[in-house]
PDB file of all heavy atoms in Angstrom:
ATOM      1  N   ALA A   1       0.766  -1.270  -0.064  1.00  0.00           N
ATOM      2  CA  ALA A   1      -0.051  -0.063  -0.007  1.00  0.00           C
ATOM      3  C   ALA A   1       0.892   1.259  -0.086  1.00  0.00           C
ATOM      4  O   ALA A   1       0.489   2.311  -0.568  1.00  0.00           O
ATOM      5  CB  ALA A   1      -0.961  -0.035   1.195  1.00  0.00           C
ATOM      6  N   LYS A   2       2.042   1.234   0.564  1.00  0.00           N
ATOM      7  CA  LYS A   2       2.981   2.283   0.682  1.00  0.00           C
ATOM      8  C   LYS A   2       4.038   2.290  -0.382  1.00  0.00           C
ATOM      9  O   LYS A   2       4.908   3.132  -0.461  1.00  0.00           O
ATOM     10  CB  LYS A   2       3.540   2.387   2.024  1.00  0.00           C
ATOM     11  CG  LYS A   2       2.602   2.630   3.138  1.00  0.00           C
ATOM     12  CD  LYS A   2       3.321   2.717   4.538  1.00  0.00           C
ATOM     13  CE  LYS A   2       2.344   3.000   5.702  1.00  0.00           C
ATOM     14  NZ  LYS A   2       3.052   3.044   6.892  1.00  0.00           N
ATOM     15  N   ASN A   3       4.035   1.242  -1.172  1.00  0.00           N
ATOM     16  CA  ASN A   3       5.021   0.985  -2.146  1.00  0.00           C
ATOM     17  C   ASN A   3       6.550   1.137  -1.502  1.00  0.00           C
ATOM     18  O   ASN A   3       7.368   1.836  -2.019  1.00  0.00           O
ATOM     19  CB  ASN A   3       5.028   2.121  -3.305  1.00  0.00           C
ATOM     20  CG  ASN A   3       3.861   1.751  -4.279  1.00  0.00           C
ATOM     21  OD1 ASN A   3       3.522   0.613  -4.404  1.00  0.00           O
ATOM     22  ND2 ASN A   3       3.402   2.684  -5.010  1.00  0.00           N
ATOM     23  N   THR A   4       6.670   0.505  -0.421  1.00  0.00           N
ATOM     24  CA  THR A   4       7.873   0.562   0.432  1.00  0.00           C
ATOM     25  C   THR A   4       8.371  -0.793   0.676  1.00  0.00           C
ATOM     26  O   THR A   4       7.610  -1.777   0.938  1.00  0.00           O
ATOM     27  CB  THR A   4       7.479   1.284   1.743  1.00  0.00           C
ATOM     28  OG1 THR A   4       7.010   2.575   1.483  1.00  0.00           O
ATOM     29  CG2 THR A   4       8.795   1.419   2.667  1.00  0.00           C
ATOM     30  N   VAL A   5       9.663  -0.960   0.657  1.00  0.00           N
ATOM     31  CA  VAL A   5      10.433  -2.168   1.011  1.00  0.00           C
ATOM     32  C   VAL A   5      11.466  -1.916   2.088  1.00  0.00           C
ATOM     33  O   VAL A   5      11.985  -0.804   2.238  1.00  0.00           O
ATOM     34  CB  VAL A   5      11.175  -2.800  -0.199  1.00  0.00           C
ATOM     35  CG1 VAL A   5      12.230  -1.826  -0.754  1.00  0.00           C
ATOM     36  CG2 VAL A   5      11.654  -4.170   0.097  1.00  0.00           C
ATOM     37  N   TYR A   6      11.614  -2.811   3.001  1.00  0.00           N
ATOM     38  CA  TYR A   6      12.424  -2.744   4.189  1.00  0.00           C
ATOM     39  C   TYR A   6      13.487  -3.796   4.218  1.00  0.00           C
ATOM     40  O   TYR A   6      13.285  -4.876   3.615  1.00  0.00           O
ATOM     41  CB  TYR A   6      11.588  -2.825   5.458  1.00  0.00           C
ATOM     42  CG  TYR A   6      10.431  -1.760   5.546  1.00  0.00           C
ATOM     43  CD1 TYR A   6       9.201  -2.209   5.151  1.00  0.00           C
ATOM     44  CD2 TYR A   6      10.529  -0.504   5.986  1.00  0.00           C
ATOM     45  CE1 TYR A   6       8.140  -1.340   5.091  1.00  0.00           C
ATOM     46  CE2 TYR A   6       9.499   0.357   5.976  1.00  0.00           C
ATOM     47  CZ  TYR A   6       8.155  -0.029   5.580  1.00  0.00           C
ATOM     48  OH  TYR A   6       7.190   0.754   5.639  1.00  0.00           O
ATOM     49  N   LEU A   7      14.562  -3.490   4.870  1.00  0.00           N
ATOM     50  CA  LEU A   7      15.660  -4.511   5.051  1.00  0.00           C
ATOM     51  C   LEU A   7      15.976  -4.387   6.459  1.00  0.00           C
ATOM     52  O   LEU A   7      16.754  -3.443   6.880  1.00  0.00           O
ATOM     53  CB  LEU A   7      16.769  -4.336   4.150  1.00  0.00           C
ATOM     54  CG  LEU A   7      17.847  -5.538   4.254  1.00  0.00           C
ATOM     55  CD1 LEU A   7      17.207  -6.824   3.730  1.00  0.00           C
ATOM     56  CD2 LEU A   7      19.111  -5.191   3.418  1.00  0.00           C
ATOM     57  N   GLN A   8      15.608  -5.388   7.334  1.00  0.00           N
ATOM     58  CA  GLN A   8      15.993  -5.434   8.716  1.00  0.00           C
ATOM     59  C   GLN A   8      17.392  -6.295   8.790  1.00  0.00           C
ATOM     60  O   GLN A   8      17.453  -7.377   8.401  1.00  0.00           O
ATOM     61  CB  GLN A   8      14.961  -6.070   9.605  1.00  0.00           C
ATOM     62  CG  GLN A   8      15.397  -6.273  11.106  1.00  0.00           C
ATOM     63  CD  GLN A   8      15.541  -4.779  11.752  1.00  0.00           C
ATOM     64  OE1 GLN A   8      14.610  -4.122  11.606  1.00  0.00           O
ATOM     65  NE2 GLN A   8      16.602  -4.702  12.431  1.00  0.00           N
ATOM     66  N   MET A   9      18.347  -5.580   9.221  1.00  0.00           N
ATOM     67  CA  MET A   9      19.762  -6.171   9.260  1.00  0.00           C
ATOM     68  C   MET A   9      20.182  -6.347  10.728  1.00  0.00           C
ATOM     69  O   MET A   9      20.440  -5.375  11.471  1.00  0.00           O
ATOM     70  CB  MET A   9      20.726  -5.249   8.456  1.00  0.00           C
ATOM     71  CG  MET A   9      20.329  -5.077   7.007  1.00  0.00           C
ATOM     72  SD  MET A   9      21.620  -4.150   6.114  1.00  0.00           S
ATOM     73  CE  MET A   9      21.585  -2.617   7.034  1.00  0.00           C
ATOM     74  N   ASN A  10      20.254  -7.573  11.137  1.00  0.00           N
ATOM     75  CA  ASN A  10      20.754  -7.895  12.518  1.00  0.00           C
ATOM     76  C   ASN A  10      22.071  -8.585  12.483  1.00  0.00           C
ATOM     77  O   ASN A  10      22.491  -9.106  11.458  1.00  0.00           O
ATOM     78  CB  ASN A  10      19.724  -8.810  13.248  1.00  0.00           C
ATOM     79  CG  ASN A  10      18.351  -8.042  13.328  1.00  0.00           C
ATOM     80  OD1 ASN A  10      18.170  -6.896  13.550  1.00  0.00           O
ATOM     81  ND2 ASN A  10      17.298  -9.002  13.305  1.00  0.00           N
ATOM     82  N   SER A  11      22.817  -8.644  13.565  1.00  0.00           N
ATOM     83  CA  SER A  11      24.082  -9.295  13.735  1.00  0.00           C
ATOM     84  C   SER A  11      24.967  -8.891  12.657  1.00  0.00           C
ATOM     85  O   SER A  11      25.697  -9.663  12.063  1.00  0.00           O
ATOM     86  CB  SER A  11      23.836 -10.780  13.731  1.00  0.00           C
ATOM     87  OG  SER A  11      22.970 -11.255  14.797  1.00  0.00           O
ATOM     88  N   LEU A  12      25.059  -7.527  12.503  1.00  0.00           N
ATOM     89  CA  LEU A  12      25.879  -7.081  11.348  1.00  0.00           C
ATOM     90  C   LEU A  12      27.383  -7.333  11.575  1.00  0.00           C
ATOM     91  O   LEU A  12      27.926  -7.349  12.681  1.00  0.00           O
ATOM     92  CB  LEU A  12      25.682  -5.506  11.266  1.00  0.00           C
ATOM     93  CG  LEU A  12      24.369  -5.116  10.589  1.00  0.00           C
ATOM     94  CD1 LEU A  12      23.991  -3.721  10.827  1.00  0.00           C
ATOM     95  CD2 LEU A  12      24.458  -5.391   9.033  1.00  0.00           C
ATOM     96  N   LYS A  13      27.982  -7.559  10.429  1.00  0.00           N
ATOM     97  CA  LYS A  13      29.418  -7.917  10.395  1.00  0.00           C
ATOM     98  C   LYS A  13      30.231  -6.853   9.568  1.00  0.00           C
ATOM     99  O   LYS A  13      29.540  -6.283   8.660  1.00  0.00           O
ATOM    100  CB  LYS A  13      29.622  -9.357   9.774  1.00  0.00           C
ATOM    101  CG  LYS A  13      28.959 -10.532  10.491  1.00  0.00           C
ATOM    102  CD  LYS A  13      29.031 -11.767   9.727  1.00  0.00           C
ATOM    103  CE  LYS A  13      28.286 -12.932  10.422  1.00  0.00           C
ATOM    104  NZ  LYS A  13      28.546 -14.161   9.618  1.00  0.00           N
ATOM    105  N   PRO A  14      31.578  -6.696   9.774  1.00  0.00           N
ATOM    106  CA  PRO A  14      32.343  -5.813   9.000  1.00  0.00           C
ATOM    107  C   PRO A  14      32.149  -6.056   7.501  1.00  0.00           C
ATOM    108  O   PRO A  14      32.160  -5.077   6.783  1.00  0.00           O
ATOM    109  CB  PRO A  14      33.728  -5.952   9.531  1.00  0.00           C
ATOM    110  CG  PRO A  14      33.588  -6.387  10.832  1.00  0.00           C
ATOM    111  CD  PRO A  14      32.234  -7.293  10.907  1.00  0.00           C
ATOM    112  N   GLU A  15      32.003  -7.371   7.103  1.00  0.00           N
ATOM    113  CA  GLU A  15      31.820  -7.627   5.717  1.00  0.00           C
ATOM    114  C   GLU A  15      30.628  -7.218   5.053  1.00  0.00           C
ATOM    115  O   GLU A  15      30.377  -7.301   3.887  1.00  0.00           O
ATOM    116  CB  GLU A  15      32.122  -9.088   5.438  1.00  0.00           C
ATOM    117  CG  GLU A  15      31.322 -10.048   6.415  1.00  0.00           C
ATOM    118  CD  GLU A  15      32.190 -10.588   7.590  1.00  0.00           C
ATOM    119  OE1 GLU A  15      32.796  -9.736   8.194  1.00  0.00           O
ATOM    120  OE2 GLU A  15      32.131 -11.725   7.831  1.00  0.00           O
ATOM    121  N   ASP A  16      29.635  -6.784   5.948  1.00  0.00           N
ATOM    122  CA  ASP A  16      28.348  -6.212   5.376  1.00  0.00           C
ATOM    123  C   ASP A  16      28.485  -4.700   4.960  1.00  0.00           C
ATOM    124  O   ASP A  16      27.626  -4.204   4.347  1.00  0.00           O
ATOM    125  CB  ASP A  16      27.267  -6.265   6.403  1.00  0.00           C
ATOM    126  CG  ASP A  16      26.876  -7.773   6.835  1.00  0.00           C
ATOM    127  OD1 ASP A  16      26.702  -8.472   5.852  1.00  0.00           O
ATOM    128  OD2 ASP A  16      26.762  -7.955   8.084  1.00  0.00           O
ATOM    129  N   THR A  17      29.714  -4.127   5.230  1.00  0.00           N
ATOM    130  CA  THR A  17      29.930  -2.768   4.844  1.00  0.00           C
ATOM    131  C   THR A  17      29.811  -2.594   3.299  1.00  0.00           C
ATOM    132  O   THR A  17      30.491  -3.264   2.694  1.00  0.00           O
ATOM    133  CB  THR A  17      31.264  -2.298   5.496  1.00  0.00           C
ATOM    134  OG1 THR A  17      31.247  -2.297   6.829  1.00  0.00           O
ATOM    135  CG2 THR A  17      31.622  -0.990   4.796  1.00  0.00           C
ATOM    136  N   ALA A  18      28.916  -1.717   2.889  1.00  0.00           N
ATOM    137  CA  ALA A  18      28.741  -1.505   1.472  1.00  0.00           C
ATOM    138  C   ALA A  18      27.751  -0.367   1.320  1.00  0.00           C
ATOM    139  O   ALA A  18      27.138   0.068   2.283  1.00  0.00           O
ATOM    140  CB  ALA A  18      28.180  -2.785   0.840  1.00  0.00           C
ATOM    141  N   VAL A  19      27.674   0.043   0.017  1.00  0.00           N
ATOM    142  CA  VAL A  19      26.485   0.921  -0.353  1.00  0.00           C
ATOM    143  C   VAL A  19      25.379   0.075  -0.732  1.00  0.00           C
ATOM    144  O   VAL A  19      25.395  -0.872  -1.455  1.00  0.00           O
ATOM    145  CB  VAL A  19      26.816   1.898  -1.525  1.00  0.00           C
ATOM    146  CG1 VAL A  19      25.679   2.722  -1.946  1.00  0.00           C
ATOM    147  CG2 VAL A  19      27.967   2.695  -1.126  1.00  0.00           C
ATOM    148  N   TYR A  20      24.213   0.167  -0.068  1.00  0.00           N
ATOM    149  CA  TYR A  20      23.029  -0.613  -0.369  1.00  0.00           C
ATOM    150  C   TYR A  20      21.991   0.099  -1.227  1.00  0.00           C
ATOM    151  O   TYR A  20      21.733   1.314  -0.993  1.00  0.00           O
ATOM    152  CB  TYR A  20      22.367  -0.966   1.010  1.00  0.00           C
ATOM    153  CG  TYR A  20      23.115  -2.036   1.805  1.00  0.00           C
ATOM    154  CD1 TYR A  20      24.416  -1.747   2.314  1.00  0.00           C
ATOM    155  CD2 TYR A  20      22.530  -3.205   1.904  1.00  0.00           C
ATOM    156  CE1 TYR A  20      24.966  -2.782   3.057  1.00  0.00           C
ATOM    157  CE2 TYR A  20      23.323  -4.317   2.599  1.00  0.00           C
ATOM    158  CZ  TYR A  20      24.464  -4.035   3.168  1.00  0.00           C
ATOM    159  OH  TYR A  20      25.175  -5.033   3.883  1.00  0.00           O
ATOM    160  N   TYR A  21      21.650  -0.503  -2.247  1.00  0.00           N
ATOM    161  CA  TYR A  21      20.768   0.110  -3.257  1.00  0.00           C
ATOM    162  C   TYR A  21      19.418  -0.674  -3.332  1.00  0.00           C
ATOM    163  O   TYR A  21      19.341  -1.826  -3.412  1.00  0.00           O
ATOM    164  CB  TYR A  21      21.387  -0.031  -4.625  1.00  0.00           C
ATOM    165  CG  TYR A  21      22.683   0.699  -4.902  1.00  0.00           C
ATOM    166  CD1 TYR A  21      23.924   0.114  -4.597  1.00  0.00           C
ATOM    167  CD2 TYR A  21      22.750   2.063  -5.321  1.00  0.00           C
ATOM    168  CE1 TYR A  21      25.086   0.702  -4.739  1.00  0.00           C
ATOM    169  CE2 TYR A  21      23.892   2.652  -5.438  1.00  0.00           C
ATOM    170  CZ  TYR A  21      25.145   2.072  -5.187  1.00  0.00           C
ATOM    171  OH  TYR A  21      26.302   2.742  -5.422  1.00  0.00           O
ATOM    172  N   CYS A  22      18.371   0.203  -3.276  1.00  0.00           N
ATOM    173  CA  CYS A  22      16.979  -0.321  -3.377  1.00  0.00           C
ATOM    174  C   CYS A  22      16.694  -0.452  -4.871  1.00  0.00           C
ATOM    175  O   CYS A  22      17.205   0.432  -5.676  1.00  0.00           O
ATOM    176  CB  CYS A  22      16.062   0.683  -2.736  1.00  0.00           C
ATOM    177  SG  CYS A  22      14.312   0.264  -2.952  1.00  0.00           S
ATOM    178  N   ASN A  23      15.847  -1.360  -5.271  1.00  0.00           N
ATOM    179  CA  ASN A  23      15.522  -1.531  -6.575  1.00  0.00           C
ATOM    180  C   ASN A  23      14.022  -2.060  -6.616  1.00  0.00           C
ATOM    181  O   ASN A  23      13.538  -2.720  -5.652  1.00  0.00           O
ATOM    182  CB  ASN A  23      16.423  -2.478  -7.469  1.00  0.00           C
ATOM    183  CG  ASN A  23      16.222  -3.929  -7.102  1.00  0.00           C
ATOM    184  OD1 ASN A  23      16.820  -4.392  -6.102  1.00  0.00           O
ATOM    185  ND2 ASN A  23      15.386  -4.622  -7.856  1.00  0.00           N
ATOM    186  N   ALA A  24      13.307  -1.685  -7.724  1.00  0.00           N
ATOM    187  CA  ALA A  24      11.863  -2.120  -7.916  1.00  0.00           C
ATOM    188  C   ALA A  24      11.763  -2.441  -9.327  1.00  0.00           C
ATOM    189  O   ALA A  24      12.315  -1.732 -10.234  1.00  0.00           O
ATOM    190  CB  ALA A  24      10.959  -0.986  -7.401  1.00  0.00           C
ATOM    191  N   VAL A  25      10.883  -3.405  -9.610  1.00  0.00           N
ATOM    192  CA  VAL A  25      10.503  -3.649 -11.003  1.00  0.00           C
ATOM    193  C   VAL A  25       9.025  -3.320 -11.210  1.00  0.00           C
ATOM    194  O   VAL A  25       8.109  -3.795 -10.467  1.00  0.00           O
ATOM    195  CB  VAL A  25      10.670  -5.188 -11.311  1.00  0.00           C
ATOM    196  CG1 VAL A  25      10.238  -5.544 -12.747  1.00  0.00           C
ATOM    197  CG2 VAL A  25      12.023  -5.598 -11.019  1.00  0.00           C
TER     198      VAL A  25
END
């Protein structure tokens, strides 16, 4: 309904370091 996507990230590690990009089709 809100055209929104979420990403809950837990137990983060240094290797998760990055630029995160949202995408939609």
